[in-house]
């Protein structure tokens, strides 16, 4: 495995892991989820595509362009819809557990669709990652709802296919251009959704600040570094290392939001870190 790819996925995980923290402060400033999502993608799409035009990068054409638009407009949007629907029905803990089934799904899909080779260390890391994710998030069964469970599993499935398709797309374009097309496609969907349901503009500097952090750090940087790492180390390792974002969210929630960090969560974080170390030390074959 290439160390650069590992570092890029860690940066992506940190960037994604900060999003719940930014979102919490955004909610406290008076923003709702529809406004956050719309302006998250609209700002990110504008910035990244201005950069692409300034640098005179070429956009893909034909089938590849269609694939990237599909990834953003359909898969990314569907994953977000499935995730937030599941949270509303079964709560964030169980939804997170179901979502983090995706490294296992990615591994299976990689073997079937990409003919990828799986090594013993990959399986070991996957087991540690899964156990770690369960311990970090915790499981609460008070509000079990079969529809919510289905949406949670759908979120994991859709994201897994997003990663697999992204793996093939990255062999034919750059992470920056791919990010520009994917984010712009997502932005188009959320603009349509906002226009149809009604959305409020951010009202003050505080609200714009948190949306900007989400747009730049947890969208542009997070997606570019993920695509770049995916291109170097493949979908299986990328998806497993990405669970490090749970550790970042846990630590930052403790640091900035005053949330408690229990012994079980610490053990879960250690499992995820051990998994990341195993993958980092695994030799390329």
C-alpha atoms as a PDB file:
ATOM      1  CA  UNK A   1       0.000   0.000   0.000  1.00  0.00           C
ATOM      2  CA  UNK A   2       1.239   3.437  -0.818  1.00  0.00           C
ATOM      3  CA  UNK A   3       1.772   5.661   2.208  1.00  0.00           C
ATOM      4  CA  UNK A   4       0.609   8.761   0.349  1.00  0.00           C
ATOM      5  CA  UNK A   5      -2.745   7.117  -0.334  1.00  0.00           C
ATOM      6  CA  UNK A   6      -3.084   6.199   3.327  1.00  0.00           C
ATOM      7  CA  UNK A   7      -2.351   9.786   4.410  1.00  0.00           C
ATOM      8  CA  UNK A   8      -4.855  11.184   1.894  1.00  0.00           C
ATOM      9  CA  UNK A   9      -7.642   8.941   3.211  1.00  0.00           C
ATOM     10  CA  UNK A  10      -6.780   9.943   6.792  1.00  0.00           C
ATOM     11  CA  UNK A  11      -7.053  13.627   5.776  1.00  0.00           C
ATOM     12  CA  UNK A  12     -10.401  12.844   4.164  1.00  0.00           C
ATOM     13  CA  UNK A  13     -11.589  11.040   7.297  1.00  0.00           C
ATOM     14  CA  UNK A  14     -10.571  13.995   9.472  1.00  0.00           C
ATOM     15  CA  UNK A  15     -12.397  16.399   7.143  1.00  0.00           C
ATOM     16  CA  UNK A  16     -15.562  14.276   7.086  1.00  0.00           C
ATOM     17  CA  UNK A  17     -15.279  13.638  10.815  1.00  0.00           C
ATOM     18  CA  UNK A  18     -15.396  17.360  11.535  1.00  0.00           C
ATOM     19  CA  UNK A  19     -18.686  17.777   9.658  1.00  0.00           C
ATOM     20  CA  UNK A  20     -20.975  16.745  12.567  1.00  0.00           C
ATOM     21  CA  UNK A  21     -19.184  19.301  14.749  1.00  0.00           C
ATOM     22  CA  UNK A  22     -19.588  22.076  12.178  1.00  0.00           C
ATOM     23  CA  UNK A  23     -23.204  21.013  11.631  1.00  0.00           C
ATOM     24  CA  UNK A  24     -23.947  21.151  15.362  1.00  0.00           C
ATOM     25  CA  UNK A  25     -22.740  24.741  15.577  1.00  0.00           C
ATOM     26  CA  UNK A  26     -24.626  25.525  12.355  1.00  0.00           C
ATOM     27  CA  UNK A  27     -27.851  24.213  13.900  1.00  0.00           C
ATOM     28  CA  UNK A  28     -27.212  26.257  17.029  1.00  0.00           C
ATOM     29  CA  UNK A  29     -26.801  29.370  14.875  1.00  0.00           C
ATOM     30  CA  UNK A  30     -30.342  28.860  13.566  1.00  0.00           C
ATOM     31  CA  UNK A  31     -29.767  27.009  10.289  1.00  0.00           C
ATOM     32  CA  UNK A  32     -31.845  23.990   9.259  1.00  0.00           C
ATOM     33  CA  UNK A  33     -30.700  20.886   7.391  1.00  0.00           C
ATOM     34  CA  UNK A  34     -32.187  21.935   4.020  1.00  0.00           C
ATOM     35  CA  UNK A  35     -30.328  25.263   4.057  1.00  0.00           C
ATOM     36  CA  UNK A  36     -27.085  23.625   5.151  1.00  0.00           C
ATOM     37  CA  UNK A  37     -27.188  20.961   2.436  1.00  0.00           C
ATOM     38  CA  UNK A  38     -28.152  23.356  -0.347  1.00  0.00           C
ATOM     39  CA  UNK A  39     -25.472  25.948   0.402  1.00  0.00           C
ATOM     40  CA  UNK A  40     -22.911  23.283   1.312  1.00  0.00           C
ATOM     41  CA  UNK A  41     -22.942  21.917  -2.226  1.00  0.00           C
ATOM     42  CA  UNK A  42     -23.664  25.215  -3.978  1.00  0.00           C
ATOM     43  CA  UNK A  43     -20.661  26.986  -2.426  1.00  0.00           C
ATOM     44  CA  UNK A  44     -18.397  23.951  -2.819  1.00  0.00           C
ATOM     45  CA  UNK A  45     -19.404  23.466  -6.466  1.00  0.00           C
ATOM     46  CA  UNK A  46     -18.791  27.127  -7.256  1.00  0.00           C
ATOM     47  CA  UNK A  47     -15.343  27.243  -5.634  1.00  0.00           C
ATOM     48  CA  UNK A  48     -13.990  23.968  -7.021  1.00  0.00           C
ATOM     49  CA  UNK A  49     -15.220  24.632 -10.561  1.00  0.00           C
ATOM     50  CA  UNK A  50     -13.812  28.178 -10.577  1.00  0.00           C
ATOM     51  CA  UNK A  51     -10.474  26.599  -9.631  1.00  0.00           C
ATOM     52  CA  UNK A  52     -10.808  24.027 -12.432  1.00  0.00           C
ATOM     53  CA  UNK A  53     -11.518  26.775 -14.978  1.00  0.00           C
ATOM     54  CA  UNK A  54      -8.645  28.976 -13.746  1.00  0.00           C
ATOM     55  CA  UNK A  55      -6.244  26.036 -13.985  1.00  0.00           C
ATOM     56  CA  UNK A  56      -7.720  25.176 -17.395  1.00  0.00           C
ATOM     57  CA  UNK A  57      -8.294  21.554 -16.518  1.00  0.00           C
ATOM     58  CA  UNK A  58     -10.356  19.626 -19.051  1.00  0.00           C
ATOM     59  CA  UNK A  59     -13.708  18.222 -18.051  1.00  0.00           C
ATOM     60  CA  UNK A  60     -14.357  14.615 -19.041  1.00  0.00           C
ATOM     61  CA  UNK A  61     -16.691  13.856 -21.899  1.00  0.00           C
ATOM     62  CA  UNK A  62     -18.969  11.072 -22.996  1.00  0.00           C
ATOM     63  CA  UNK A  63     -19.489   8.040 -20.787  1.00  0.00           C
ATOM     64  CA  UNK A  64     -17.100   9.188 -18.048  1.00  0.00           C
ATOM     65  CA  UNK A  65     -18.942  12.491 -17.652  1.00  0.00           C
ATOM     66  CA  UNK A  66     -22.248  10.635 -17.393  1.00  0.00           C
ATOM     67  CA  UNK A  67     -20.774   8.343 -14.732  1.00  0.00           C
ATOM     68  CA  UNK A  68     -19.533  11.262 -12.614  1.00  0.00           C
ATOM     69  CA  UNK A  69     -22.865  13.082 -12.924  1.00  0.00           C
ATOM     70  CA  UNK A  70     -24.619   9.868 -11.889  1.00  0.00           C
ATOM     71  CA  UNK A  71     -22.321   9.577  -8.854  1.00  0.00           C
ATOM     72  CA  UNK A  72     -23.206  13.081  -7.701  1.00  0.00           C
ATOM     73  CA  UNK A  73     -26.820  13.541  -8.742  1.00  0.00           C
ATOM     74  CA  UNK A  74     -28.056  10.038  -7.971  1.00  0.00           C
ATOM     75  CA  UNK A  75     -25.734   8.115  -5.636  1.00  0.00           C
ATOM     76  CA  UNK A  76     -24.488  10.932  -3.389  1.00  0.00           C
ATOM     77  CA  UNK A  77     -27.960  12.458  -3.133  1.00  0.00           C
ATOM     78  CA  UNK A  78     -29.622   9.082  -2.532  1.00  0.00           C
ATOM     79  CA  UNK A  79     -27.104   8.202   0.165  1.00  0.00           C
ATOM     80  CA  UNK A  80     -27.760  11.470   2.007  1.00  0.00           C
ATOM     81  CA  UNK A  81     -31.535  11.012   1.710  1.00  0.00           C
ATOM     82  CA  UNK A  82     -31.364   7.407   2.957  1.00  0.00           C
ATOM     83  CA  UNK A  83     -29.081   8.349   5.851  1.00  0.00           C
ATOM     84  CA  UNK A  84     -31.146  11.274   7.135  1.00  0.00           C
ATOM     85  CA  UNK A  85     -34.402   9.319   6.709  1.00  0.00           C
ATOM     86  CA  UNK A  86     -32.932   6.466   8.752  1.00  0.00           C
ATOM     87  CA  UNK A  87     -31.779   8.865  11.479  1.00  0.00           C
ATOM     88  CA  UNK A  88     -35.295  10.297  11.740  1.00  0.00           C
ATOM     89  CA  UNK A  89     -36.781   6.793  12.159  1.00  0.00           C
ATOM     90  CA  UNK A  90     -34.251   4.798  14.204  1.00  0.00           C
ATOM     91  CA  UNK A  91     -31.868   7.386  15.637  1.00  0.00           C
ATOM     92  CA  UNK A  92     -28.249   8.251  14.865  1.00  0.00           C
ATOM     93  CA  UNK A  93     -26.555   5.371  16.726  1.00  0.00           C
ATOM     94  CA  UNK A  94     -28.192   2.455  14.923  1.00  0.00           C
ATOM     95  CA  UNK A  95     -28.073   4.350  11.621  1.00  0.00           C
ATOM     96  CA  UNK A  96     -24.317   4.832  12.016  1.00  0.00           C
ATOM     97  CA  UNK A  97     -23.828   1.141  12.739  1.00  0.00           C
ATOM     98  CA  UNK A  98     -25.769   0.235   9.601  1.00  0.00           C
ATOM     99  CA  UNK A  99     -23.910   2.839   7.521  1.00  0.00           C
ATOM    100  CA  UNK A 100     -20.544   1.491   8.628  1.00  0.00           C
ATOM    101  CA  UNK A 101     -21.399  -1.864   7.143  1.00  0.00           C
ATOM    102  CA  UNK A 102     -20.088  -0.301   3.933  1.00  0.00           C
ATOM    103  CA  UNK A 103     -16.432  -1.417   4.323  1.00  0.00           C
ATOM    104  CA  UNK A 104     -17.650  -5.031   4.370  1.00  0.00           C
ATOM    105  CA  UNK A 105     -19.927  -4.422   1.376  1.00  0.00           C
ATOM    106  CA  UNK A 106     -17.106  -2.678  -0.504  1.00  0.00           C
ATOM    107  CA  UNK A 107     -14.831  -5.647   0.123  1.00  0.00           C
ATOM    108  CA  UNK A 108     -17.409  -8.087  -1.309  1.00  0.00           C
ATOM    109  CA  UNK A 109     -18.185  -5.851  -4.296  1.00  0.00           C
ATOM    110  CA  UNK A 110     -14.471  -5.355  -4.991  1.00  0.00           C
ATOM    111  CA  UNK A 111     -13.939  -9.105  -5.202  1.00  0.00           C
ATOM    112  CA  UNK A 112     -17.011  -9.632  -7.403  1.00  0.00           C
ATOM    113  CA  UNK A 113     -16.884  -6.574  -9.665  1.00  0.00           C
ATOM    114  CA  UNK A 114     -13.222  -5.524  -9.636  1.00  0.00           C
ATOM    115  CA  UNK A 115     -11.653  -8.976  -9.181  1.00  0.00           C
ATOM    116  CA  UNK A 116      -9.657  -7.567  -6.280  1.00  0.00           C
ATOM    117  CA  UNK A 117      -7.466  -9.798  -4.146  1.00  0.00           C
ATOM    118  CA  UNK A 118      -8.210  -9.862  -0.423  1.00  0.00           C
ATOM    119  CA  UNK A 119      -5.456 -10.691   2.038  1.00  0.00           C
ATOM    120  CA  UNK A 120      -5.620 -11.996   5.602  1.00  0.00           C
ATOM    121  CA  UNK A 121      -4.558  -8.619   6.977  1.00  0.00           C
ATOM    122  CA  UNK A 122      -7.475  -6.987   5.134  1.00  0.00           C
ATOM    123  CA  UNK A 123      -9.924  -9.358   6.865  1.00  0.00           C
ATOM    124  CA  UNK A 124      -8.272  -8.750  10.235  1.00  0.00           C
ATOM    125  CA  UNK A 125      -8.450  -4.991   9.749  1.00  0.00           C
ATOM    126  CA  UNK A 126     -12.085  -5.243   8.642  1.00  0.00           C
ATOM    127  CA  UNK A 127     -13.066  -7.182  11.787  1.00  0.00           C
ATOM    128  CA  UNK A 128     -11.275  -4.660  14.014  1.00  0.00           C
ATOM    129  CA  UNK A 129     -12.845  -1.744  12.132  1.00  0.00           C
ATOM    130  CA  UNK A 130     -16.360  -3.166  12.442  1.00  0.00           C
ATOM    131  CA  UNK A 131     -16.019  -3.946  16.154  1.00  0.00           C
ATOM    132  CA  UNK A 132     -14.439  -0.550  16.742  1.00  0.00           C
ATOM    133  CA  UNK A 133     -17.253   1.268  14.945  1.00  0.00           C
ATOM    134  CA  UNK A 134     -19.881  -0.557  17.014  1.00  0.00           C
ATOM    135  CA  UNK A 135     -18.093   0.273  20.266  1.00  0.00           C
ATOM    136  CA  UNK A 136     -17.549   3.931  19.356  1.00  0.00           C
ATOM    137  CA  UNK A 137     -21.121   4.561  18.261  1.00  0.00           C
ATOM    138  CA  UNK A 138     -22.884   2.224  20.681  1.00  0.00           C
ATOM    139  CA  UNK A 139     -26.173   0.501  19.964  1.00  0.00           C
ATOM    140  CA  UNK A 140     -29.551   1.622  21.254  1.00  0.00           C
ATOM    141  CA  UNK A 141     -32.561  -0.463  20.389  1.00  0.00           C
ATOM    142  CA  UNK A 142     -35.349   1.670  21.841  1.00  0.00           C
ATOM    143  CA  UNK A 143     -36.776   2.835  18.520  1.00  0.00           C
ATOM    144  CA  UNK A 144     -36.430  -0.091  16.138  1.00  0.00           C
ATOM    145  CA  UNK A 145     -38.348   0.597  12.945  1.00  0.00           C
ATOM    146  CA  UNK A 146     -38.018  -1.808  10.023  1.00  0.00           C
ATOM    147  CA  UNK A 147     -38.381   0.993   7.451  1.00  0.00           C
ATOM    148  CA  UNK A 148     -35.617   2.930   9.195  1.00  0.00           C
ATOM    149  CA  UNK A 149     -33.375  -0.149   9.196  1.00  0.00           C
ATOM    150  CA  UNK A 150     -33.993  -0.610   5.463  1.00  0.00           C
ATOM    151  CA  UNK A 151     -33.023   3.015   4.785  1.00  0.00           C
ATOM    152  CA  UNK A 152     -29.895   2.602   6.941  1.00  0.00           C
ATOM    153  CA  UNK A 153     -28.828  -0.456   4.959  1.00  0.00           C
ATOM    154  CA  UNK A 154     -29.649   1.379   1.730  1.00  0.00           C
ATOM    155  CA  UNK A 155     -27.324   4.217   2.774  1.00  0.00           C
ATOM    156  CA  UNK A 156     -24.491   1.696   3.200  1.00  0.00           C
ATOM    157  CA  UNK A 157     -25.259  -0.054  -0.105  1.00  0.00           C
ATOM    158  CA  UNK A 158     -25.495   3.157  -2.119  1.00  0.00           C
ATOM    159  CA  UNK A 159     -22.260   4.514  -0.632  1.00  0.00           C
ATOM    160  CA  UNK A 160     -20.518   1.216  -1.385  1.00  0.00           C
ATOM    161  CA  UNK A 161     -21.493   1.396  -5.056  1.00  0.00           C
ATOM    162  CA  UNK A 162     -20.410   5.054  -5.066  1.00  0.00           C
ATOM    163  CA  UNK A 163     -16.940   3.961  -3.934  1.00  0.00           C
ATOM    164  CA  UNK A 164     -16.720   1.086  -6.430  1.00  0.00           C
ATOM    165  CA  UNK A 165     -17.823   3.252  -9.355  1.00  0.00           C
ATOM    166  CA  UNK A 166     -15.490   6.003  -8.148  1.00  0.00           C
ATOM    167  CA  UNK A 167     -12.588   3.550  -8.193  1.00  0.00           C
ATOM    168  CA  UNK A 168     -13.097   2.868 -11.906  1.00  0.00           C
ATOM    169  CA  UNK A 169     -13.675   6.548 -12.706  1.00  0.00           C
ATOM    170  CA  UNK A 170     -10.464   7.637 -10.965  1.00  0.00           C
ATOM    171  CA  UNK A 171      -8.393   5.639 -13.420  1.00  0.00           C
ATOM    172  CA  UNK A 172      -9.575   7.970 -16.199  1.00  0.00           C
ATOM    173  CA  UNK A 173      -9.646  11.442 -14.620  1.00  0.00           C
ATOM    174  CA  UNK A 174      -8.126  13.550 -11.858  1.00  0.00           C
ATOM    175  CA  UNK A 175      -9.528  13.739  -8.308  1.00  0.00           C
ATOM    176  CA  UNK A 176     -10.029  17.515  -8.605  1.00  0.00           C
ATOM    177  CA  UNK A 177     -12.048  17.352 -11.838  1.00  0.00           C
ATOM    178  CA  UNK A 178     -14.048  14.372 -10.580  1.00  0.00           C
ATOM    179  CA  UNK A 179     -14.844  16.272  -7.393  1.00  0.00           C
ATOM    180  CA  UNK A 180     -15.958  19.303  -9.397  1.00  0.00           C
ATOM    181  CA  UNK A 181     -18.429  17.290 -11.470  1.00  0.00           C
ATOM    182  CA  UNK A 182     -19.743  15.208  -8.552  1.00  0.00           C
ATOM    183  CA  UNK A 183     -20.305  18.230  -6.292  1.00  0.00           C
ATOM    184  CA  UNK A 184     -21.886  20.282  -9.081  1.00  0.00           C
ATOM    185  CA  UNK A 185     -24.283  17.404  -9.825  1.00  0.00           C
ATOM    186  CA  UNK A 186     -25.226  17.140  -6.147  1.00  0.00           C
ATOM    187  CA  UNK A 187     -25.665  20.904  -5.951  1.00  0.00           C
ATOM    188  CA  UNK A 188     -28.074  20.814  -8.907  1.00  0.00           C
ATOM    189  CA  UNK A 189     -30.272  18.266  -7.129  1.00  0.00           C
ATOM    190  CA  UNK A 190     -30.287  20.206  -3.859  1.00  0.00           C
ATOM    191  CA  UNK A 191     -31.059  23.484  -5.632  1.00  0.00           C
ATOM    192  CA  UNK A 192     -34.070  21.834  -7.261  1.00  0.00           C
ATOM    193  CA  UNK A 193     -35.090  20.421  -3.892  1.00  0.00           C
ATOM    194  CA  UNK A 194     -34.656  23.812  -2.233  1.00  0.00           C
ATOM    195  CA  UNK A 195     -36.702  25.603  -4.869  1.00  0.00           C
ATOM    196  CA  UNK A 196     -39.518  23.066  -4.575  1.00  0.00           C
ATOM    197  CA  UNK A 197     -39.693  23.011  -0.771  1.00  0.00           C
ATOM    198  CA  UNK A 198     -38.530  26.502   0.118  1.00  0.00           C
ATOM    199  CA  UNK A 199     -35.245  27.334   1.770  1.00  0.00           C
ATOM    200  CA  UNK A 200     -33.989  30.278   3.830  1.00  0.00           C
ATOM    201  CA  UNK A 201     -30.775  32.143   3.082  1.00  0.00           C
ATOM    202  CA  UNK A 202     -28.188  32.336   5.875  1.00  0.00           C
ATOM    203  CA  UNK A 203     -28.825  35.561   7.791  1.00  0.00           C
ATOM    204  CA  UNK A 204     -25.523  36.483   9.445  1.00  0.00           C
ATOM    205  CA  UNK A 205     -21.746  36.003   9.451  1.00  0.00           C
ATOM    206  CA  UNK A 206     -21.978  33.229  12.055  1.00  0.00           C
ATOM    207  CA  UNK A 207     -24.222  31.128   9.816  1.00  0.00           C
ATOM    208  CA  UNK A 208     -22.129  31.770   6.699  1.00  0.00           C
ATOM    209  CA  UNK A 209     -19.009  30.800   8.670  1.00  0.00           C
ATOM    210  CA  UNK A 210     -20.247  27.321   9.568  1.00  0.00           C
ATOM    211  CA  UNK A 211     -21.610  26.669   6.089  1.00  0.00           C
ATOM    212  CA  UNK A 212     -18.245  27.746   4.651  1.00  0.00           C
ATOM    213  CA  UNK A 213     -16.385  25.319   6.938  1.00  0.00           C
ATOM    214  CA  UNK A 214     -18.710  22.498   5.860  1.00  0.00           C
ATOM    215  CA  UNK A 215     -18.337  23.442   2.182  1.00  0.00           C
ATOM    216  CA  UNK A 216     -14.559  23.835   2.116  1.00  0.00           C
ATOM    217  CA  UNK A 217     -13.285  21.380   4.739  1.00  0.00           C
ATOM    218  CA  UNK A 218     -15.962  18.682   4.867  1.00  0.00           C
ATOM    219  CA  UNK A 219     -16.866  18.730   1.173  1.00  0.00           C
ATOM    220  CA  UNK A 220     -14.112  19.990  -1.145  1.00  0.00           C
ATOM    221  CA  UNK A 221     -11.086  18.815   0.845  1.00  0.00           C
ATOM    222  CA  UNK A 222     -12.830  15.675   2.087  1.00  0.00           C
ATOM    223  CA  UNK A 223     -13.937  14.482  -1.354  1.00  0.00           C
ATOM    224  CA  UNK A 224     -10.767  15.431  -3.265  1.00  0.00           C
ATOM    225  CA  UNK A 225      -8.499  13.650  -0.785  1.00  0.00           C
ATOM    226  CA  UNK A 226     -10.799  10.619  -0.720  1.00  0.00           C
ATOM    227  CA  UNK A 227     -10.776  10.323  -4.514  1.00  0.00           C
ATOM    228  CA  UNK A 228      -7.005  10.847  -4.593  1.00  0.00           C
ATOM    229  CA  UNK A 229      -6.440   8.190  -1.923  1.00  0.00           C
ATOM    230  CA  UNK A 230      -8.925   5.850  -3.590  1.00  0.00           C
ATOM    231  CA  UNK A 231      -6.932   6.130  -6.795  1.00  0.00           C
ATOM    232  CA  UNK A 232      -3.757   5.037  -4.997  1.00  0.00           C
ATOM    233  CA  UNK A 233      -4.847   2.332  -2.559  1.00  0.00           C
ATOM    234  CA  UNK A 234      -8.164   1.060  -3.885  1.00  0.00           C
ATOM    235  CA  UNK A 235     -11.664   0.789  -2.445  1.00  0.00           C
ATOM    236  CA  UNK A 236     -11.193  -1.844   0.285  1.00  0.00           C
ATOM    237  CA  UNK A 237      -8.441  -0.115   2.222  1.00  0.00           C
ATOM    238  CA  UNK A 238      -9.927   3.339   1.575  1.00  0.00           C
ATOM    239  CA  UNK A 239     -13.299   2.372   3.020  1.00  0.00           C
ATOM    240  CA  UNK A 240     -11.791   0.760   6.116  1.00  0.00           C
ATOM    241  CA  UNK A 241      -9.432   3.648   6.863  1.00  0.00           C
ATOM    242  CA  UNK A 242     -12.355   6.056   6.400  1.00  0.00           C
ATOM    243  CA  UNK A 243     -13.917   4.748   9.610  1.00  0.00           C
ATOM    244  CA  UNK A 244     -11.251   6.843  11.352  1.00  0.00           C
ATOM    245  CA  UNK A 245     -13.705   9.717  10.944  1.00  0.00           C
ATOM    246  CA  UNK A 246     -15.713   8.188  13.821  1.00  0.00           C
ATOM    247  CA  UNK A 247     -12.711   8.657  16.090  1.00  0.00           C
ATOM    248  CA  UNK A 248     -12.322  12.275  14.959  1.00  0.00           C
ATOM    249  CA  UNK A 249     -15.999  13.018  15.584  1.00  0.00           C
ATOM    250  CA  UNK A 250     -15.843  11.375  19.026  1.00  0.00           C
ATOM    251  CA  UNK A 251     -12.714  13.255  20.077  1.00  0.00           C
ATOM    252  CA  UNK A 252     -13.923  16.619  18.752  1.00  0.00           C
ATOM    253  CA  UNK A 253     -17.339  16.144  20.373  1.00  0.00           C
ATOM    254  CA  UNK A 254     -15.542  15.670  23.671  1.00  0.00           C
ATOM    255  CA  UNK A 255     -13.213  18.600  23.034  1.00  0.00           C
ATOM    256  CA  UNK A 256     -15.622  21.199  21.625  1.00  0.00           C
ATOM    257  CA  UNK A 257     -19.128  20.073  22.588  1.00  0.00           C
ATOM    258  CA  UNK A 258     -18.470  18.769  26.080  1.00  0.00           C
ATOM    259  CA  UNK A 259     -19.815  15.298  25.287  1.00  0.00           C
ATOM    260  CA  UNK A 260     -18.661  12.383  27.421  1.00  0.00           C
ATOM    261  CA  UNK A 261     -16.181   9.855  26.060  1.00  0.00           C
ATOM    262  CA  UNK A 262     -16.635   6.519  27.842  1.00  0.00           C
ATOM    263  CA  UNK A 263     -14.210   3.645  28.329  1.00  0.00           C
ATOM    264  CA  UNK A 264     -15.988   1.498  25.723  1.00  0.00           C
ATOM    265  CA  UNK A 265     -15.711   4.277  23.138  1.00  0.00           C
ATOM    266  CA  UNK A 266     -12.006   4.646  23.851  1.00  0.00           C
ATOM    267  CA  UNK A 267     -11.526   0.895  23.325  1.00  0.00           C
ATOM    268  CA  UNK A 268     -13.472   1.139  20.053  1.00  0.00           C
ATOM    269  CA  UNK A 269     -11.245   4.016  18.926  1.00  0.00           C
ATOM    270  CA  UNK A 270      -8.155   1.941  19.710  1.00  0.00           C
ATOM    271  CA  UNK A 271      -9.530  -0.914  17.583  1.00  0.00           C
ATOM    272  CA  UNK A 272      -9.988   1.460  14.645  1.00  0.00           C
ATOM    273  CA  UNK A 273      -6.492   2.903  15.123  1.00  0.00           C
ATOM    274  CA  UNK A 274      -4.975  -0.592  15.250  1.00  0.00           C
ATOM    275  CA  UNK A 275      -6.815  -1.418  12.035  1.00  0.00           C
ATOM    276  CA  UNK A 276      -5.402   1.713  10.384  1.00  0.00           C
ATOM    277  CA  UNK A 277      -1.873   0.803  11.519  1.00  0.00           C
ATOM    278  CA  UNK A 278      -2.243  -2.717  10.112  1.00  0.00           C
ATOM    279  CA  UNK A 279      -3.331  -1.333   6.749  1.00  0.00           C
ATOM    280  CA  UNK A 280      -0.552   1.276   6.751  1.00  0.00           C
ATOM    281  CA  UNK A 281       2.108  -1.358   7.360  1.00  0.00           C
ATOM    282  CA  UNK A 282       0.707  -3.841   4.865  1.00  0.00           C
ATOM    283  CA  UNK A 283       3.056  -4.240   1.942  1.00  0.00           C
ATOM    284  CA  UNK A 284       1.973  -3.671  -1.639  1.00  0.00           C
ATOM    285  CA  UNK A 285       1.711  -6.779  -3.762  1.00  0.00           C
END
